[in-house]
Amino acid sequence: MKKCLFIPFIILFFLFPALSFGQIGVQAQPENSFWDHVRFGGGLGIGFGNGYFSGTISPSAVYDFNRYFSMGPALQFSYQSGNNFNTTLYGASLITLFNPIPEIQLSAELEQLRVNQTIELEGGNFEDDFWNTALFTGVGYRNGNITIGVRYNVLFKDEEDIYTTAWAPFVRFYF
C-alpha cells in the first residue's frame, strides 16, 4: 500500500514543477519598437530672383530617445545658379533636437558639404571644389510636426564660407 501512494507522489513531485514552469512564457516584445521612435522629414527650399535660382532638398530621420531629446542623420543636395556662377553642394549632417517644452525646439547640427563651384570670368572660368563645415545652433517655435526658427553657424568665416551670413532661417518637418 505504501508503494501505491509513493509512486503517484514521486510522479507529481517531478512532473508538477515541470508543468508549472512550462506555463511561464516570455512576454512578446512589441514588433518594430525601434521604428516606433523614428520620425522622417527634412526640408525643401527654393529661391529665385533676377537671374538667380536656388533649390535644396534635405531628407532626414531622427530617433526620439524620449519626448525631449531626438537625434539623427540628414542628407543634403543643393543647386544654385546666377548670371555668372553655378554651385552644387552635397553632403550630410547630424542633427540633435531638444524640446524643453512642446512649443520650443533647440537644435545643434554639424554639417559637412562638398562644394563644386564654377564662376564665369572674362578671362575664362574659375572652378573651385572644396569641403565646407558648419556647426549650427538654433531655436524654433514648434507646432506639431512643423518647426520654424533661426539658426546660427558658429564656425562661420566670412571670407571662406559658402554661406553669405552666419544666420539662416529654417522650416523643419518631421512625421
C-alpha atoms as a PDB file:
ATOM      1  CA  MET A   1       0.000   0.000   0.000  1.00  0.00           C
ATOM      2  CA  LYS A   2       2.859   2.340   0.774  1.00  0.00           C
ATOM      3  CA  LYS A   3       4.327   1.778  -2.707  1.00  0.00           C
ATOM      4  CA  CYS A   4       0.981   2.672  -4.313  1.00  0.00           C
ATOM      5  CA  LEU A   5       0.967   6.078  -2.600  1.00  0.00           C
ATOM      6  CA  PHE A   6       4.670   6.615  -3.056  1.00  0.00           C
ATOM      7  CA  ILE A   7       4.723   6.228  -6.894  1.00  0.00           C
ATOM      8  CA  PRO A   8       1.995   8.847  -7.620  1.00  0.00           C
ATOM      9  CA  PHE A   9       3.674  11.165  -5.094  1.00  0.00           C
ATOM     10  CA  ILE A  10       7.024  10.825  -6.938  1.00  0.00           C
ATOM     11  CA  ILE A  11       5.366  11.382 -10.318  1.00  0.00           C
ATOM     12  CA  LEU A  12       3.563  14.517  -9.075  1.00  0.00           C
ATOM     13  CA  PHE A  13       6.706  15.744  -7.298  1.00  0.00           C
ATOM     14  CA  PHE A  14       8.778  15.709 -10.512  1.00  0.00           C
ATOM     15  CA  LEU A  15       6.043  16.359 -13.077  1.00  0.00           C
ATOM     16  CA  PHE A  16       4.168  19.230 -11.350  1.00  0.00           C
ATOM     17  CA  PRO A  17       7.133  21.661 -11.246  1.00  0.00           C
ATOM     18  CA  ALA A  18       7.865  20.968 -14.915  1.00  0.00           C
ATOM     19  CA  LEU A  19       4.252  21.722 -15.818  1.00  0.00           C
ATOM     20  CA  SER A  20       4.252  24.841 -13.633  1.00  0.00           C
ATOM     21  CA  PHE A  21       7.408  26.267 -15.173  1.00  0.00           C
ATOM     22  CA  GLY A  22       6.109  25.372 -18.625  1.00  0.00           C
ATOM     23  CA  GLN A  23       3.317  27.926 -18.102  1.00  0.00           C
ATOM     24  CA  ILE A  24       5.789  30.778 -17.590  1.00  0.00           C
ATOM     25  CA  GLY A  25       6.392  32.262 -21.011  1.00  0.00           C
ATOM     26  CA  VAL A  26       8.457  35.092 -22.349  1.00  0.00           C
ATOM     27  CA  GLN A  27       6.296  38.128 -22.915  1.00  0.00           C
ATOM     28  CA  ALA A  28       6.220  39.138 -26.537  1.00  0.00           C
ATOM     29  CA  GLN A  29       8.178  42.284 -27.317  1.00  0.00           C
ATOM     30  CA  PRO A  30       6.359  44.804 -29.463  1.00  0.00           C
ATOM     31  CA  GLU A  31       7.412  44.489 -33.076  1.00  0.00           C
ATOM     32  CA  ASN A  32       9.397  47.345 -34.591  1.00  0.00           C
ATOM     33  CA  SER A  33       9.906  49.066 -31.256  1.00  0.00           C
ATOM     34  CA  PHE A  34      12.967  50.851 -32.719  1.00  0.00           C
ATOM     35  CA  TRP A  35      10.991  52.136 -35.707  1.00  0.00           C
ATOM     36  CA  ASP A  36       8.177  53.363 -33.472  1.00  0.00           C
ATOM     37  CA  HIS A  37      10.619  56.030 -32.232  1.00  0.00           C
ATOM     38  CA  VAL A  38      11.893  57.106 -35.675  1.00  0.00           C
ATOM     39  CA  ARG A  39      10.452  60.137 -37.456  1.00  0.00           C
ATOM     40  CA  PHE A  40      11.215  61.075 -41.058  1.00  0.00           C
ATOM     41  CA  GLY A  41      11.241  64.542 -42.517  1.00  0.00           C
ATOM     42  CA  GLY A  42      13.645  67.247 -43.522  1.00  0.00           C
ATOM     43  CA  GLY A  43      13.348  70.340 -45.598  1.00  0.00           C
ATOM     44  CA  LEU A  44      12.809  71.695 -49.083  1.00  0.00           C
ATOM     45  CA  GLY A  45      13.923  75.087 -50.264  1.00  0.00           C
ATOM     46  CA  ILE A  46      13.591  77.151 -53.398  1.00  0.00           C
ATOM     47  CA  GLY A  47      14.680  80.677 -54.115  1.00  0.00           C
ATOM     48  CA  PHE A  48      14.793  82.776 -57.236  1.00  0.00           C
ATOM     49  CA  GLY A  49      15.291  86.327 -58.287  1.00  0.00           C
ATOM     50  CA  ASN A  50      16.641  88.422 -61.118  1.00  0.00           C
ATOM     51  CA  GLY A  51      18.970  85.930 -62.819  1.00  0.00           C
ATOM     52  CA  TYR A  52      19.260  83.748 -59.705  1.00  0.00           C
ATOM     53  CA  PHE A  53      17.937  80.286 -58.771  1.00  0.00           C
ATOM     54  CA  SER A  54      18.458  78.094 -55.725  1.00  0.00           C
ATOM     55  CA  GLY A  55      16.932  74.713 -54.921  1.00  0.00           C
ATOM     56  CA  THR A  56      17.587  72.458 -51.933  1.00  0.00           C
ATOM     57  CA  ILE A  57      16.350  69.086 -50.732  1.00  0.00           C
ATOM     58  CA  SER A  58      17.367  67.712 -47.339  1.00  0.00           C
ATOM     59  CA  PRO A  59      15.780  64.431 -46.202  1.00  0.00           C
ATOM     60  CA  SER A  60      16.462  63.330 -42.636  1.00  0.00           C
ATOM     61  CA  ALA A  61      15.438  60.929 -39.906  1.00  0.00           C
ATOM     62  CA  VAL A  62      15.551  61.378 -36.141  1.00  0.00           C
ATOM     63  CA  TYR A  63      15.261  58.888 -33.330  1.00  0.00           C
ATOM     64  CA  ASP A  64      13.169  60.106 -30.377  1.00  0.00           C
ATOM     65  CA  PHE A  65      15.022  58.961 -27.256  1.00  0.00           C
ATOM     66  CA  ASN A  66      12.226  60.476 -25.168  1.00  0.00           C
ATOM     67  CA  ARG A  67       9.770  63.376 -25.531  1.00  0.00           C
ATOM     68  CA  TYR A  68      12.571  65.908 -25.024  1.00  0.00           C
ATOM     69  CA  PHE A  69      15.564  64.620 -26.990  1.00  0.00           C
ATOM     70  CA  SER A  70      15.983  63.434 -30.612  1.00  0.00           C
ATOM     71  CA  MET A  71      18.976  62.833 -32.865  1.00  0.00           C
ATOM     72  CA  GLY A  72      19.619  61.602 -36.380  1.00  0.00           C
ATOM     73  CA  PRO A  73      21.322  61.916 -39.773  1.00  0.00           C
ATOM     74  CA  ALA A  74      20.405  64.069 -42.755  1.00  0.00           C
ATOM     75  CA  LEU A  75      21.481  64.308 -46.376  1.00  0.00           C
ATOM     76  CA  GLN A  76      21.580  67.493 -48.403  1.00  0.00           C
ATOM     77  CA  PHE A  77      21.678  68.419 -52.061  1.00  0.00           C
ATOM     78  CA  SER A  78      21.562  71.989 -53.278  1.00  0.00           C
ATOM     79  CA  TYR A  79      21.982  73.690 -56.634  1.00  0.00           C
ATOM     80  CA  GLN A  80      22.485  77.424 -57.120  1.00  0.00           C
ATOM     81  CA  SER A  81      22.976  79.402 -60.289  1.00  0.00           C
ATOM     82  CA  GLY A  82      23.265  83.055 -61.154  1.00  0.00           C
ATOM     83  CA  ASN A  83      24.304  85.282 -64.029  1.00  0.00           C
ATOM     84  CA  ASN A  84      27.943  84.267 -63.732  1.00  0.00           C
ATOM     85  CA  PHE A  85      28.140  81.199 -61.461  1.00  0.00           C
ATOM     86  CA  ASN A  86      26.896  77.656 -60.818  1.00  0.00           C
ATOM     87  CA  THR A  87      27.277  75.891 -57.480  1.00  0.00           C
ATOM     88  CA  THR A  88      26.411  72.333 -56.473  1.00  0.00           C
ATOM     89  CA  LEU A  89      26.506  71.317 -52.805  1.00  0.00           C
ATOM     90  CA  TYR A  90      26.032  67.814 -51.416  1.00  0.00           C
ATOM     91  CA  GLY A  91      26.774  66.195 -48.113  1.00  0.00           C
ATOM     92  CA  ALA A  92      25.484  65.012 -44.779  1.00  0.00           C
ATOM     93  CA  SER A  93      24.798  66.274 -41.299  1.00  0.00           C
ATOM     94  CA  LEU A  94      23.993  65.070 -37.816  1.00  0.00           C
ATOM     95  CA  ILE A  95      21.157  66.908 -36.079  1.00  0.00           C
ATOM     96  CA  THR A  96      20.268  66.971 -32.394  1.00  0.00           C
ATOM     97  CA  LEU A  97      16.918  68.336 -31.210  1.00  0.00           C
ATOM     98  CA  PHE A  98      15.929  69.282 -27.668  1.00  0.00           C
ATOM     99  CA  ASN A  99      12.369  70.277 -26.737  1.00  0.00           C
ATOM    100  CA  PRO A 100      12.319  71.679 -23.169  1.00  0.00           C
ATOM    101  CA  ILE A 101       8.603  72.355 -23.678  1.00  0.00           C
ATOM    102  CA  PRO A 102       6.495  71.153 -26.628  1.00  0.00           C
ATOM    103  CA  GLU A 103       6.428  74.592 -28.316  1.00  0.00           C
ATOM    104  CA  ILE A 104      10.178  75.365 -28.156  1.00  0.00           C
ATOM    105  CA  GLN A 105      12.859  73.441 -30.030  1.00  0.00           C
ATOM    106  CA  LEU A 106      16.591  73.945 -29.547  1.00  0.00           C
ATOM    107  CA  SER A 107      18.900  72.363 -32.111  1.00  0.00           C
ATOM    108  CA  ALA A 108      22.527  71.677 -32.929  1.00  0.00           C
ATOM    109  CA  GLU A 109      23.589  70.458 -36.357  1.00  0.00           C
ATOM    110  CA  LEU A 110      27.031  69.516 -37.631  1.00  0.00           C
ATOM    111  CA  GLU A 111      27.078  69.754 -41.426  1.00  0.00           C
ATOM    112  CA  GLN A 112      29.754  68.661 -43.904  1.00  0.00           C
ATOM    113  CA  LEU A 113      29.207  69.708 -47.537  1.00  0.00           C
ATOM    114  CA  ARG A 114      31.193  69.200 -50.700  1.00  0.00           C
ATOM    115  CA  VAL A 115      31.084  72.357 -52.825  1.00  0.00           C
ATOM    116  CA  ASN A 116      31.619  72.334 -56.601  1.00  0.00           C
ATOM    117  CA  GLN A 117      31.608  75.884 -57.893  1.00  0.00           C
ATOM    118  CA  THR A 118      32.145  77.419 -61.337  1.00  0.00           C
ATOM    119  CA  ILE A 119      32.479  81.168 -61.717  1.00  0.00           C
ATOM    120  CA  GLU A 120      32.463  82.694 -65.201  1.00  0.00           C
ATOM    121  CA  LEU A 121      35.086  85.416 -65.591  1.00  0.00           C
ATOM    122  CA  GLU A 122      36.130  87.469 -68.596  1.00  0.00           C
ATOM    123  CA  GLY A 123      39.411  85.546 -68.922  1.00  0.00           C
ATOM    124  CA  GLY A 124      37.738  82.125 -68.603  1.00  0.00           C
ATOM    125  CA  ASN A 125      36.052  80.011 -65.982  1.00  0.00           C
ATOM    126  CA  PHE A 126      37.297  79.647 -62.425  1.00  0.00           C
ATOM    127  CA  GLU A 127      36.464  76.292 -60.819  1.00  0.00           C
ATOM    128  CA  ASP A 128      36.732  75.619 -57.122  1.00  0.00           C
ATOM    129  CA  ASP A 129      35.958  72.354 -55.300  1.00  0.00           C
ATOM    130  CA  PHE A 130      36.240  72.238 -51.523  1.00  0.00           C
ATOM    131  CA  TRP A 131      34.683  70.988 -48.290  1.00  0.00           C
ATOM    132  CA  ASN A 132      32.613  73.320 -46.109  1.00  0.00           C
ATOM    133  CA  THR A 133      31.940  72.525 -42.444  1.00  0.00           C
ATOM    134  CA  ALA A 134      29.224  74.261 -40.451  1.00  0.00           C
ATOM    135  CA  LEU A 135      28.055  73.914 -36.858  1.00  0.00           C
ATOM    136  CA  PHE A 136      24.606  75.396 -36.429  1.00  0.00           C
ATOM    137  CA  THR A 137      22.847  76.154 -33.159  1.00  0.00           C
ATOM    138  CA  GLY A 138      19.210  77.074 -33.456  1.00  0.00           C
ATOM    139  CA  VAL A 139      15.952  77.888 -31.767  1.00  0.00           C
ATOM    140  CA  GLY A 140      12.486  77.487 -33.182  1.00  0.00           C
ATOM    141  CA  TYR A 141       8.777  77.544 -32.492  1.00  0.00           C
ATOM    142  CA  ARG A 142       7.276  74.074 -32.798  1.00  0.00           C
ATOM    143  CA  ASN A 143       3.652  73.420 -33.682  1.00  0.00           C
ATOM    144  CA  GLY A 144       3.019  69.694 -34.082  1.00  0.00           C
ATOM    145  CA  ASN A 145       5.223  68.357 -36.886  1.00  0.00           C
ATOM    146  CA  ILE A 146       6.477  71.765 -38.080  1.00  0.00           C
ATOM    147  CA  THR A 147       9.220  73.923 -36.547  1.00  0.00           C
ATOM    148  CA  ILE A 148      10.007  77.450 -37.747  1.00  0.00           C
ATOM    149  CA  GLY A 149      13.081  79.211 -36.447  1.00  0.00           C
ATOM    150  CA  VAL A 150      16.528  80.623 -36.941  1.00  0.00           C
ATOM    151  CA  ARG A 151      19.974  79.049 -36.657  1.00  0.00           C
ATOM    152  CA  TYR A 152      23.490  80.415 -36.319  1.00  0.00           C
ATOM    153  CA  ASN A 153      26.698  78.930 -37.785  1.00  0.00           C
ATOM    154  CA  VAL A 154      29.306  79.192 -35.025  1.00  0.00           C
ATOM    155  CA  LEU A 155      32.088  78.177 -37.489  1.00  0.00           C
ATOM    156  CA  PHE A 156      31.226  80.911 -39.989  1.00  0.00           C
ATOM    157  CA  LYS A 157      34.204  82.678 -41.602  1.00  0.00           C
ATOM    158  CA  ASP A 158      33.195  85.488 -43.942  1.00  0.00           C
ATOM    159  CA  GLU A 159      35.991  85.015 -46.463  1.00  0.00           C
ATOM    160  CA  GLU A 160      35.995  81.185 -46.561  1.00  0.00           C
ATOM    161  CA  ASP A 161      32.368  80.102 -46.134  1.00  0.00           C
ATOM    162  CA  ILE A 162      29.866  79.082 -48.807  1.00  0.00           C
ATOM    163  CA  TYR A 163      27.140  80.824 -46.811  1.00  0.00           C
ATOM    164  CA  THR A 164      26.870  84.615 -47.101  1.00  0.00           C
ATOM    165  CA  THR A 165      25.891  85.077 -43.450  1.00  0.00           C
ATOM    166  CA  ALA A 166      26.119  83.114 -40.206  1.00  0.00           C
ATOM    167  CA  TRP A 167      22.353  83.457 -39.612  1.00  0.00           C
ATOM    168  CA  ALA A 168      19.801  81.373 -41.515  1.00  0.00           C
ATOM    169  CA  PRO A 169      16.042  80.880 -41.114  1.00  0.00           C
ATOM    170  CA  PHE A 170      14.688  77.325 -41.249  1.00  0.00           C
ATOM    171  CA  VAL A 171      11.472  75.348 -41.558  1.00  0.00           C
ATOM    172  CA  ARG A 172      11.638  71.713 -40.390  1.00  0.00           C
ATOM    173  CA  PHE A 173       9.076  68.927 -40.899  1.00  0.00           C
ATOM    174  CA  TYR A 174       9.058  65.569 -39.102  1.00  0.00           C
ATOM    175  CA  PHE A 175       6.327  62.936 -39.327  1.00  0.00           C
END
